[in-house]
């Protein structure tokens, strides 16, 4: 996985489901400037910028990683499922930030 595959979209085709996409976001927490292995004590948010409609979705709180009980640990890849958004088409860009201020040492590798 590299920076080009950080976000994917899947549309649920099962009967009874609206054809709303699920966006799958992968985030690698880097090791740069992180003093220990503990999880960060801050909230991490995401915004999606759509190519087709020029819509902007977010801020979306990333608090429940689907593959790790404690997200955003040093050197760890976390996967997040973003549901209940209209079809966005190709993602033009994403914006990712945390609310911990300058004293929080969290580095997003991709």
Protein backbone atom coordinates (compact mmCIF):
# COMPACT_ATOMS: atom_id res chain seq x y z
CA UNK A 1 0.00 0.00 0.00
CA UNK A 2 1.24 3.48 -0.77
CA UNK A 3 -0.05 7.06 -0.78
CA UNK A 4 -2.09 6.45 -3.95
CA UNK A 5 -4.24 3.78 -2.26
CA UNK A 6 -4.90 5.51 1.05
CA UNK A 7 -8.61 5.81 0.31
CA UNK A 8 -10.86 3.38 -1.58
CA UNK A 9 -14.59 3.26 -2.07
CA UNK A 10 -16.89 0.25 -2.12
CA UNK A 11 -20.61 0.29 -2.91
CA UNK A 12 -22.71 -2.29 -1.08
CA UNK A 13 -24.65 -4.26 -3.72
CA UNK A 14 -26.67 -6.41 -1.30
CA UNK A 15 -30.49 -6.28 -1.62
CA UNK A 16 -32.13 -3.82 0.74
CA UNK A 17 -29.16 -1.46 0.93
CA UNK A 18 -29.19 1.94 -0.70
CA UNK A 19 -26.33 2.22 -3.15
CA UNK A 20 -24.37 4.46 -0.84
CA UNK A 21 -20.62 4.04 -0.93
CA UNK A 22 -18.43 3.08 1.97
CA UNK A 23 -15.13 4.91 1.83
CA UNK A 24 -12.25 2.94 3.32
CA UNK A 25 -9.44 5.11 4.65
CA UNK A 26 -6.00 3.76 5.59
CA UNK A 27 -3.72 5.87 7.76
CA UNK A 28 -0.13 5.03 8.66
CA UNK A 29 1.10 6.70 11.82
CA UNK A 30 4.78 7.42 11.39
CA UNK A 31 7.59 7.12 13.87
CA UNK A 32 9.05 10.60 13.34
CA UNK A 33 9.18 12.74 16.50
CA UNK A 34 7.09 10.30 18.54
CA UNK A 35 8.55 9.82 21.98
CA UNK A 36 6.78 6.62 23.00
CA UNK A 37 4.44 3.86 21.80
CA UNK A 38 1.30 5.12 23.57
CA UNK A 39 -1.77 6.25 21.65
CA UNK A 40 -2.24 9.96 21.11
CA UNK A 41 -4.51 11.84 23.47
CA UNK A 42 -6.25 13.92 20.82
CA UNK A 43 -8.99 13.68 18.21
CA UNK A 44 -8.13 13.10 14.54
CA UNK A 45 -10.46 14.41 11.82
CA UNK A 46 -10.83 13.96 8.08
CA UNK A 47 -12.48 15.97 5.29
CA UNK A 48 -13.21 14.51 1.83
CA UNK A 49 -13.19 16.78 -1.22
CA UNK A 50 -15.18 15.32 -4.13
CA UNK A 51 -14.21 15.51 -7.80
CA UNK A 52 -17.70 15.19 -9.32
CA UNK A 53 -19.89 17.40 -7.18
CA UNK A 54 -17.27 19.63 -5.55
CA UNK A 55 -18.88 18.67 -2.23
CA UNK A 56 -16.83 18.67 0.94
CA UNK A 57 -17.72 16.12 3.62
CA UNK A 58 -16.54 16.56 7.16
CA UNK A 59 -15.14 17.07 9.58
CA UNK A 60 -15.40 13.33 10.24
CA UNK A 61 -14.03 12.12 13.57
CA UNK A 62 -11.75 9.10 13.10
CA UNK A 63 -12.15 7.35 16.42
CA UNK A 64 -12.92 3.70 15.64
CA UNK A 65 -10.30 1.84 13.66
CA UNK A 66 -11.72 -1.37 12.18
CA UNK A 67 -8.46 -3.27 12.59
CA UNK A 68 -6.92 -1.89 15.82
CA UNK A 69 -8.41 -1.29 19.25
CA UNK A 70 -6.12 1.69 19.85
CA UNK A 71 -5.76 3.83 16.71
CA UNK A 72 -2.83 6.07 15.80
CA UNK A 73 -0.04 4.19 17.51
CA UNK A 74 3.54 4.54 16.35
CA UNK A 75 4.21 2.64 13.07
CA UNK A 76 0.64 1.31 12.86
CA UNK A 77 -1.75 1.24 9.88
CA UNK A 78 -5.37 1.96 10.83
CA UNK A 79 -8.40 1.33 8.66
CA UNK A 80 -11.56 3.43 8.95
CA UNK A 81 -14.92 2.94 7.25
CA UNK A 82 -16.75 6.14 6.32
CA UNK A 83 -20.45 5.48 5.67
CA UNK A 84 -23.62 7.43 4.95
CA UNK A 85 -22.19 9.88 2.45
CA UNK A 86 -23.59 10.54 -1.00
CA UNK A 87 -21.61 9.22 -3.95
CA UNK A 88 -18.60 11.43 -4.28
CA UNK A 89 -16.91 9.88 -7.29
CA UNK A 90 -13.17 10.14 -7.28
CA UNK A 91 -11.74 11.90 -4.25
CA UNK A 92 -9.97 15.09 -5.26
CA UNK A 93 -8.14 15.48 -1.96
CA UNK A 94 -8.39 14.77 1.71
CA UNK A 95 -7.56 16.96 4.67
CA UNK A 96 -6.42 15.30 7.89
CA UNK A 97 -5.72 17.05 11.19
CA UNK A 98 -5.79 16.68 14.95
CA UNK A 99 -6.94 19.03 17.68
CA UNK A 100 -4.04 18.45 20.04
CA UNK A 101 -2.09 21.61 19.32
CA UNK A 102 1.66 21.90 18.85
CA UNK A 103 2.46 19.84 21.94
CA UNK A 104 0.98 16.64 20.46
CA UNK A 105 3.64 14.60 18.71
CA UNK A 106 1.69 12.67 16.06
CA UNK A 107 3.04 12.20 12.56
CA UNK A 108 0.88 10.91 9.69
CA UNK A 109 3.09 9.08 7.21
CA UNK A 110 0.18 8.58 4.75
